[in-house]
Amino acid sequence: MKKEFIDIIAETVHEFNLLEQEDKVLVAVSGGPDSVALVLSLLAVKKKYSLNIGIAHMNHMLREDESLADEIFVKSFAHNLDLLFHGEQTDVKKYAKQHRLSIEEAGRDVRYRFFEQTAKLHGYTKIATGHTKDDNVELVLMNLLRGAGSKGLSGIPAIRNNRYIRPLIRVLKIQILDFLTDKKQAYRVDSSNTDMAYLRNNIRHRLLPRLQSEYNPEIIDALDRLSRILRQEEDFWDMETDRQFNRCLIKTDNHAVALSKNLMSELHPAILNRVFRKAIWKVKKDLKRICLVHIEDMIHFCFDRPSGISLDLPGQIRVYKNKDSIIIKKEDKPLRQIGNKEKQSRRTAREKQGH
C-alpha cells in the first residue's frame, strides 16, 4: 500500500513537472489527513529531488480550542520530522466582516497571503497544497451548480503559476486514509467538514453519494476525466486568447488597456468574451465579481449601442469607447454603477451566487 501510494505521487510529480532539483517547498498543513499525507509523500521523494521542506500552518481562530489543538498538533508534527515550522493566527471572522467576504473567501485570502509572505521571506520556490481528486470533483460540481463555463468546470490544476503544486490531485481521500492507517500516522479531523451550511459539505456528503448510488458508481472518475479534458482545452484557449489579445492591443500600462475596436468586432463571440476578460484582468489583477452579465454588457455597450460614453463595472473598472478603440481602465475612486434597475438586480443576484 505504501509503495503504491507513493508511486502515484511520484508519477504525478513527473507528469506535471511539479518539482525541480533543489526546490525549497513550503507545505500548507492544516493537520487533516490530506495535508499530513502530503508532507509524508514529499518526504518520500525528497532525496530524488534534493528538496528542502518547511511546514506552514494558519490558525483561522474559527473553532476556538479545536483550532489551537490543530496548531499544536502541526507544530509537534513538524518538530518530530525535523522540519521548519511557520505558523500564524488570524481572526478570519473579523477579517470577513471588515472586507465584506464570506468566511470561506476570507479564509482563503488570509491563508494564501500568509503562504506568499512566508515563501518570499524564507526563499521557498514552491508552495504545496493537499488538494485531492475528491476536492477536484467537488469543485467541478460546485461550479456546475453555479452555472460556470468551461474554465470553472476544468477544476483544480496540478500546478498553478509554476509555484503552487498539488501532488495529491490524482489520489482519492480513501487512499489517503488507508495510507495513513498503514503508516500508523495520526491526524486531526476538522468538525466544520460536516457542517451542512457549506455547499461543499452538502456536495461531499449528500449529492456525490446519491450520484454514485443512483446514477453512476464511477461518477468521481467521470467528473475528474471531464475536468482534465476541459483543462487541456482551456490551455489551448488561453494561448489563442493571448494571441488575439496581442493582435487587438493598441496600448497598455498598469491601469489601462486600449484595444482596436475594428479588430475586436471581427472576433468570434467565444474568443471575444475571453479577450475582454483578459483585458479586465490586466488592469484589475483579478476577476472577482466579474461574471458573464458584465461581459455581455461590455459587448452591447461597445458594438450594439451607438450612444453612451462609458460603462462602469465592479472593482472601479470603467470602459470607454470611441470610433477606433475600446479602453478598459481602473479608476482611482469608486464608481457609481450605471444601468437600469433590472440589470443591476440581475448582477446583484448573480454576485450573491458566487459568480
Protein backbone atom coordinates (compact mmCIF):
# COMPACT_ATOMS: atom_id res chain seq x y z
CA MET A 1 0.00 0.00 0.00
CA LYS A 2 2.73 2.49 0.96
CA LYS A 3 4.74 1.87 -2.22
CA GLU A 4 1.65 2.00 -4.44
CA PHE A 5 0.50 5.31 -2.92
CA ILE A 6 3.94 6.92 -3.18
CA ASP A 7 4.27 5.65 -6.75
CA ILE A 8 1.11 7.56 -7.70
CA ILE A 9 2.53 10.72 -6.15
CA ALA A 10 5.88 10.25 -7.89
CA GLU A 11 4.13 9.74 -11.24
CA THR A 12 2.02 12.86 -10.70
CA VAL A 13 5.11 14.91 -9.85
CA HIS A 14 6.83 13.65 -13.00
CA GLU A 15 3.79 14.04 -15.30
CA PHE A 16 3.19 17.69 -14.40
CA ASN A 17 6.81 18.67 -13.64
CA LEU A 18 5.78 19.76 -10.16
CA LEU A 19 9.29 19.69 -8.71
CA GLU A 20 12.76 20.68 -9.83
CA GLN A 21 16.11 19.79 -8.36
CA GLU A 22 16.83 21.58 -5.06
CA ASP A 23 13.35 23.10 -4.82
CA LYS A 24 12.54 24.63 -1.45
CA VAL A 25 8.94 23.57 -0.76
CA LEU A 26 6.56 25.21 1.71
CA VAL A 27 3.82 22.69 2.55
CA ALA A 28 0.43 24.01 3.67
CA VAL A 29 -0.61 21.82 6.60
CA SER A 30 -3.95 22.09 8.40
CA GLY A 31 -3.39 18.91 10.39
CA GLY A 32 -6.04 16.99 8.45
CA PRO A 33 -5.33 13.70 6.67
CA ASP A 34 -4.72 15.25 3.23
CA SER A 35 -2.05 17.72 4.33
CA VAL A 36 -0.38 15.20 6.66
CA ALA A 37 -0.20 12.66 3.82
CA LEU A 38 1.17 15.41 1.57
CA VAL A 39 4.13 16.00 3.90
CA LEU A 40 4.92 12.28 4.09
CA SER A 41 4.65 11.99 0.31
CA LEU A 42 7.08 14.83 -0.29
CA LEU A 43 9.49 13.35 2.23
CA ALA A 44 9.36 10.11 0.22
CA VAL A 45 10.62 11.92 -2.91
CA LYS A 46 12.85 14.37 -1.03
CA LYS A 47 16.08 12.56 -1.81
CA LYS A 48 15.35 12.24 -5.54
CA TYR A 49 14.84 16.00 -5.93
CA SER A 50 17.13 17.19 -3.10
CA LEU A 51 14.22 19.06 -1.55
CA ASN A 52 14.24 21.45 1.38
CA ILE A 53 10.83 21.20 3.06
CA GLY A 54 9.09 23.51 5.51
CA ILE A 55 5.60 23.47 7.04
CA ALA A 56 3.12 26.36 7.12
CA HIS A 57 0.03 26.40 9.33
CA MET A 58 -2.63 29.10 9.51
CA ASN A 59 -4.82 29.16 12.62
CA HIS A 60 -8.08 30.76 11.45
CA MET A 61 -9.35 31.09 15.04
CA LEU A 62 -12.77 29.81 13.96
CA ARG A 63 -13.14 26.81 16.29
CA GLU A 64 -11.52 28.15 19.49
CA ASP A 65 -9.86 25.30 21.43
CA GLU A 66 -10.10 22.96 18.44
CA SER A 67 -8.19 25.41 16.24
CA LEU A 68 -5.50 25.79 18.88
CA ALA A 69 -5.24 21.99 19.19
CA ASP A 70 -4.76 21.78 15.42
CA GLU A 71 -1.93 24.30 15.62
CA ILE A 72 -0.23 22.42 18.45
CA PHE A 73 -0.56 19.15 16.54
CA VAL A 74 1.00 20.56 13.37
CA LYS A 75 3.83 22.19 15.30
CA SER A 76 4.59 18.89 17.02
CA PHE A 77 4.31 17.04 13.70
CA ALA A 78 6.88 19.38 12.13
CA HIS A 79 9.19 19.05 15.15
CA ASN A 80 9.07 15.23 15.06
CA LEU A 81 10.03 15.26 11.38
CA ASP A 82 12.74 17.89 11.98
CA LEU A 83 11.05 20.33 9.60
CA LEU A 84 10.91 24.11 9.96
CA PHE A 85 7.51 25.30 11.21
CA HIS A 86 5.89 28.58 10.17
CA GLY A 87 2.69 29.49 12.00
CA GLU A 88 0.30 32.41 12.13
CA GLN A 89 -3.01 33.21 13.84
CA THR A 90 -5.64 35.39 12.14
CA ASP A 91 -9.18 36.20 13.23
CA VAL A 92 -10.92 35.21 9.99
CA LYS A 93 -14.40 36.20 11.19
CA LYS A 94 -13.17 39.72 11.88
CA TYR A 95 -11.37 39.85 8.54
CA ALA A 96 -14.50 38.63 6.72
CA LYS A 97 -16.62 41.34 8.34
CA GLN A 98 -14.09 44.08 7.60
CA HIS A 99 -13.80 43.10 3.93
CA ARG A 100 -17.42 42.02 3.40
CA LEU A 101 -16.46 38.48 2.46
CA SER A 102 -17.84 35.05 3.23
CA ILE A 103 -15.92 33.00 5.81
CA GLU A 104 -14.63 30.74 3.00
CA GLU A 105 -13.42 33.70 0.92
CA ALA A 106 -11.82 35.39 3.92
CA GLY A 107 -10.10 32.18 5.00
CA ARG A 108 -8.66 31.66 1.55
CA ASP A 109 -7.47 35.29 1.34
CA VAL A 110 -5.59 35.27 4.65
CA ARG A 111 -4.25 31.75 4.09
CA TYR A 112 -2.73 32.44 0.68
CA ARG A 113 -1.42 35.83 1.75
CA PHE A 114 0.37 34.06 4.62
CA PHE A 115 1.78 31.44 2.24
CA GLU A 116 3.06 34.11 -0.16
CA GLN A 117 4.65 36.21 2.57
CA THR A 118 6.30 33.19 4.18
CA ALA A 119 7.59 31.89 0.86
CA LYS A 120 9.05 35.28 -0.04
CA LEU A 121 10.64 35.81 3.37
CA HIS A 122 12.27 32.36 3.53
CA GLY A 123 13.01 31.76 -0.14
CA TYR A 124 10.59 28.91 -0.85
CA THR A 125 10.32 28.17 -4.57
CA LYS A 126 7.13 26.06 -4.43
CA ILE A 127 4.02 26.03 -2.25
CA ALA A 128 2.36 22.61 -1.92
CA THR A 129 -1.31 22.18 -1.02
CA GLY A 130 -3.17 18.96 -0.25
CA HIS A 131 -5.91 19.09 -2.89
CA THR A 132 -7.11 15.61 -3.90
CA LYS A 133 -9.17 14.06 -6.70
CA ASP A 134 -12.21 14.33 -4.40
CA ASP A 135 -11.59 18.07 -3.95
CA ASN A 136 -11.34 18.49 -7.71
CA VAL A 137 -14.63 16.71 -8.36
CA GLU A 138 -16.42 18.62 -5.58
CA LEU A 139 -15.25 21.91 -7.11
CA VAL A 140 -16.43 20.83 -10.58
CA LEU A 141 -19.89 20.09 -9.17
CA MET A 142 -19.98 23.36 -7.22
CA ASN A 143 -19.15 25.31 -10.36
CA LEU A 144 -21.62 23.32 -12.43
CA LEU A 145 -24.42 24.15 -9.99
CA ARG A 146 -23.44 27.81 -10.19
CA GLY A 147 -23.60 27.80 -14.00
CA ALA A 148 -19.87 28.19 -14.62
CA GLY A 149 -18.26 27.89 -18.04
CA SER A 150 -15.54 25.54 -19.20
CA LYS A 151 -12.87 27.25 -17.10
CA GLY A 152 -14.82 26.63 -13.90
CA LEU A 153 -15.50 23.05 -14.93
CA SER A 154 -11.81 22.42 -15.61
CA GLY A 155 -11.31 22.07 -11.86
CA ILE A 156 -8.08 22.35 -9.91
CA PRO A 157 -4.83 22.32 -11.92
CA ALA A 158 -1.94 20.19 -10.70
CA ILE A 159 0.30 23.25 -10.90
CA ARG A 160 -0.51 26.95 -10.98
CA ASN A 161 1.82 29.78 -11.95
CA ASN A 162 4.72 27.30 -11.75
CA ARG A 163 4.52 27.88 -7.99
CA TYR A 164 1.52 26.20 -6.37
CA ILE A 165 1.67 22.41 -6.68
CA ARG A 166 -0.89 19.68 -5.87
CA PRO A 167 0.91 16.33 -5.73
CA LEU A 168 -2.22 14.56 -4.34
CA ILE A 169 -4.51 15.61 -7.20
CA ARG A 170 -4.62 12.04 -8.60
CA VAL A 171 -5.48 10.23 -5.35
CA LEU A 172 -8.78 9.71 -3.53
CA LYS A 173 -9.50 10.50 0.10
CA ILE A 174 -9.99 6.80 0.86
CA GLN A 175 -6.50 6.07 -0.49
CA ILE A 176 -5.07 8.75 1.78
CA LEU A 177 -6.82 7.34 4.85
CA ASP A 178 -5.60 3.82 4.02
CA PHE A 179 -2.06 5.16 3.56
CA LEU A 180 -2.07 6.93 6.95
CA THR A 181 -3.56 3.89 8.68
CA ASP A 182 -0.84 1.72 7.19
CA LYS A 183 1.77 4.24 8.38
CA LYS A 184 0.11 4.47 11.82
CA GLN A 185 0.17 8.23 11.37
CA ALA A 186 -2.18 10.39 13.44
CA TYR A 187 -4.06 13.38 12.01
CA ARG A 188 -6.72 15.88 13.01
CA VAL A 189 -10.39 15.90 11.98
CA ASP A 190 -11.99 19.29 11.29
CA SER A 191 -15.51 19.29 12.77
CA SER A 192 -16.61 22.00 10.30
CA ASN A 193 -16.25 19.46 7.48
CA THR A 194 -19.66 18.09 8.47
CA ASP A 195 -21.39 21.48 8.70
CA MET A 196 -24.12 21.39 6.03
CA ALA A 197 -24.25 25.19 5.94
CA TYR A 198 -21.35 24.96 3.48
CA LEU A 199 -22.19 23.99 -0.12
CA ARG A 200 -19.05 21.88 -0.47
CA ASN A 201 -20.05 19.73 2.51
CA ASN A 202 -23.53 19.20 1.07
CA ILE A 203 -21.98 18.07 -2.20
CA ARG A 204 -19.49 15.81 -0.41
CA HIS A 205 -21.89 14.12 1.99
CA ARG A 206 -25.21 14.21 0.12
CA LEU A 207 -25.03 14.89 -3.61
CA LEU A 208 -21.98 12.81 -4.57
CA PRO A 209 -23.08 9.68 -2.64
CA ARG A 210 -26.50 9.90 -4.28
CA LEU A 211 -24.99 10.31 -7.74
CA GLN A 212 -22.79 7.29 -7.06
CA SER A 213 -25.57 5.06 -5.75
CA GLU A 214 -28.36 6.03 -8.16
CA TYR A 215 -26.71 7.20 -11.39
CA ASN A 216 -23.06 6.29 -11.85
CA PRO A 217 -20.84 4.37 -9.38
CA GLU A 218 -17.82 5.81 -11.21
CA ILE A 219 -19.03 9.42 -11.07
CA ILE A 220 -15.83 10.67 -9.40
CA ASP A 221 -13.62 9.27 -12.17
CA ALA A 222 -16.07 10.54 -14.81
CA LEU A 223 -16.10 14.11 -13.49
CA ASP A 224 -12.35 14.09 -12.93
CA ARG A 225 -11.90 12.97 -16.55
CA LEU A 226 -14.22 15.76 -17.72
CA SER A 227 -12.16 18.33 -15.82
CA ARG A 228 -8.92 17.05 -17.38
CA ILE A 229 -10.40 17.25 -20.89
CA LEU A 230 -11.61 20.79 -20.29
CA ARG A 231 -8.31 21.79 -18.71
CA GLN A 232 -6.48 20.73 -21.88
CA GLU A 233 -8.92 22.75 -23.96
CA GLU A 234 -8.52 25.71 -21.61
CA ASP A 235 -4.76 25.57 -22.18
CA PHE A 236 -5.43 25.90 -25.91
CA TRP A 237 -7.95 28.70 -25.40
CA ASP A 238 -5.51 30.55 -23.16
CA MET A 239 -2.89 30.50 -25.92
CA GLU A 240 -5.43 31.65 -28.52
CA THR A 241 -6.72 34.37 -26.18
CA ASP A 242 -3.16 35.68 -25.72
CA ARG A 243 -2.66 35.69 -29.48
CA GLN A 244 -5.87 37.58 -30.23
CA PHE A 245 -5.38 39.97 -27.30
CA ASN A 246 -1.93 40.92 -28.58
CA ARG A 247 -3.29 41.27 -32.12
CA CYS A 248 -6.00 43.68 -30.97
CA LEU A 249 -3.84 45.53 -28.44
CA ILE A 250 -3.09 49.19 -29.17
CA LYS A 251 -1.55 50.22 -25.86
CA THR A 252 -1.33 49.03 -22.26
CA ASP A 253 0.02 50.08 -18.88
CA ASN A 254 -0.69 49.15 -15.25
CA HIS A 255 -4.02 50.98 -15.17
CA ALA A 256 -5.46 50.82 -18.70
CA VAL A 257 -5.72 48.70 -21.83
CA ALA A 258 -6.63 50.07 -25.27
CA LEU A 259 -7.91 47.62 -27.90
CA SER A 260 -8.73 48.04 -31.58
CA LYS A 261 -12.50 48.28 -31.93
CA ASN A 262 -12.47 47.10 -35.54
CA LEU A 263 -10.34 44.02 -34.84
CA MET A 264 -12.37 43.16 -31.74
CA SER A 265 -15.60 43.32 -33.76
CA GLU A 266 -14.25 40.57 -36.05
CA LEU A 267 -13.71 38.05 -33.22
CA HIS A 268 -15.95 35.05 -32.65
CA PRO A 269 -18.11 35.59 -29.52
CA ALA A 270 -16.28 32.80 -27.68
CA ILE A 271 -12.87 34.42 -28.08
CA LEU A 272 -14.27 37.97 -27.73
CA ASN A 273 -15.53 37.10 -24.23
CA ARG A 274 -12.12 35.79 -23.27
CA VAL A 275 -10.21 38.77 -24.67
CA PHE A 276 -12.44 41.15 -22.71
CA ARG A 277 -11.89 39.09 -19.55
CA LYS A 278 -8.13 39.17 -20.10
CA ALA A 279 -8.23 42.95 -20.57
CA ILE A 280 -10.12 43.38 -17.30
CA TRP A 281 -7.68 41.07 -15.51
CA LYS A 282 -4.76 43.14 -16.85
CA VAL A 283 -5.97 46.27 -15.10
CA LYS A 284 -7.90 44.81 -12.16
CA LYS A 285 -5.38 41.99 -11.34
CA ASP A 286 -8.27 39.60 -10.67
CA LEU A 287 -11.77 38.80 -11.96
CA LYS A 288 -13.63 38.90 -8.67
CA ARG A 289 -17.28 39.97 -9.11
CA ILE A 290 -16.88 39.93 -12.89
CA CYS A 291 -19.36 37.46 -14.41
CA LEU A 292 -20.92 36.76 -17.78
CA VAL A 293 -23.52 39.50 -17.50
CA HIS A 294 -20.75 42.11 -17.22
CA ILE A 295 -19.02 40.81 -20.34
CA GLU A 296 -22.38 40.84 -22.16
CA ASP A 297 -22.85 44.45 -21.03
CA MET A 298 -19.42 45.34 -22.46
CA ILE A 299 -20.21 43.75 -25.82
CA HIS A 300 -23.57 45.51 -26.01
CA PHE A 301 -22.02 48.84 -24.99
CA CYS A 302 -19.08 48.62 -27.41
CA PHE A 303 -20.77 47.23 -30.51
CA ASP A 304 -24.57 47.45 -30.27
CA ARG A 305 -25.23 50.77 -28.58
CA PRO A 306 -24.40 53.88 -30.63
CA SER A 307 -24.68 56.27 -27.69
CA GLY A 308 -23.00 56.37 -24.31
CA ILE A 309 -19.55 57.49 -23.25
CA SER A 310 -18.61 54.92 -20.65
CA LEU A 311 -19.69 51.78 -18.82
CA ASP A 312 -18.87 51.09 -15.15
CA LEU A 313 -18.08 47.59 -13.86
CA PRO A 314 -17.31 46.22 -10.37
CA GLY A 315 -13.85 46.88 -8.95
CA GLN A 316 -13.59 50.51 -10.17
CA ILE A 317 -13.34 49.40 -13.79
CA ARG A 318 -14.61 51.81 -16.44
CA VAL A 319 -14.93 51.01 -20.15
CA TYR A 320 -14.65 53.82 -22.72
CA LYS A 321 -15.22 53.65 -26.46
CA ASN A 322 -14.65 55.84 -29.48
CA LYS A 323 -14.68 55.28 -33.21
CA ASP A 324 -11.45 53.28 -33.30
CA SER A 325 -10.72 51.92 -29.84
CA ILE A 326 -12.06 50.38 -26.65
CA ILE A 327 -10.34 51.41 -23.41
CA ILE A 328 -10.62 49.42 -20.16
CA LYS A 329 -9.36 51.48 -17.23
CA LYS A 330 -9.12 51.13 -13.46
CA GLU A 331 -10.18 54.41 -11.87
CA ASP A 332 -8.71 55.76 -8.63
CA LYS A 333 -12.07 56.32 -6.93
CA PRO A 334 -15.11 54.04 -6.52
CA LEU A 335 -17.53 54.33 -9.42
CA ARG A 336 -21.28 54.69 -9.49
CA GLN A 337 -22.75 51.67 -11.25
CA ILE A 338 -24.92 52.67 -14.23
CA GLY A 339 -27.74 50.83 -15.92
CA ASN A 340 -31.41 50.20 -15.27
CA LYS A 341 -32.75 48.60 -12.11
CA GLU A 342 -33.41 45.29 -13.78
CA LYS A 343 -29.80 44.96 -14.95
CA GLN A 344 -28.44 45.93 -11.54
CA SER A 345 -30.68 43.46 -9.69
CA ARG A 346 -29.61 40.75 -12.14
CA ARG A 347 -25.95 41.49 -11.39
CA THR A 348 -26.55 41.52 -7.64
CA ALA A 349 -28.36 38.20 -7.74
CA ARG A 350 -25.58 36.54 -9.69
CA GLU A 351 -22.86 38.00 -7.47
CA LYS A 352 -24.62 36.60 -4.39
CA GLN A 353 -24.47 33.18 -6.02
CA GLY A 354 -20.69 33.45 -6.11
CA HIS A 355 -20.08 34.34 -9.79
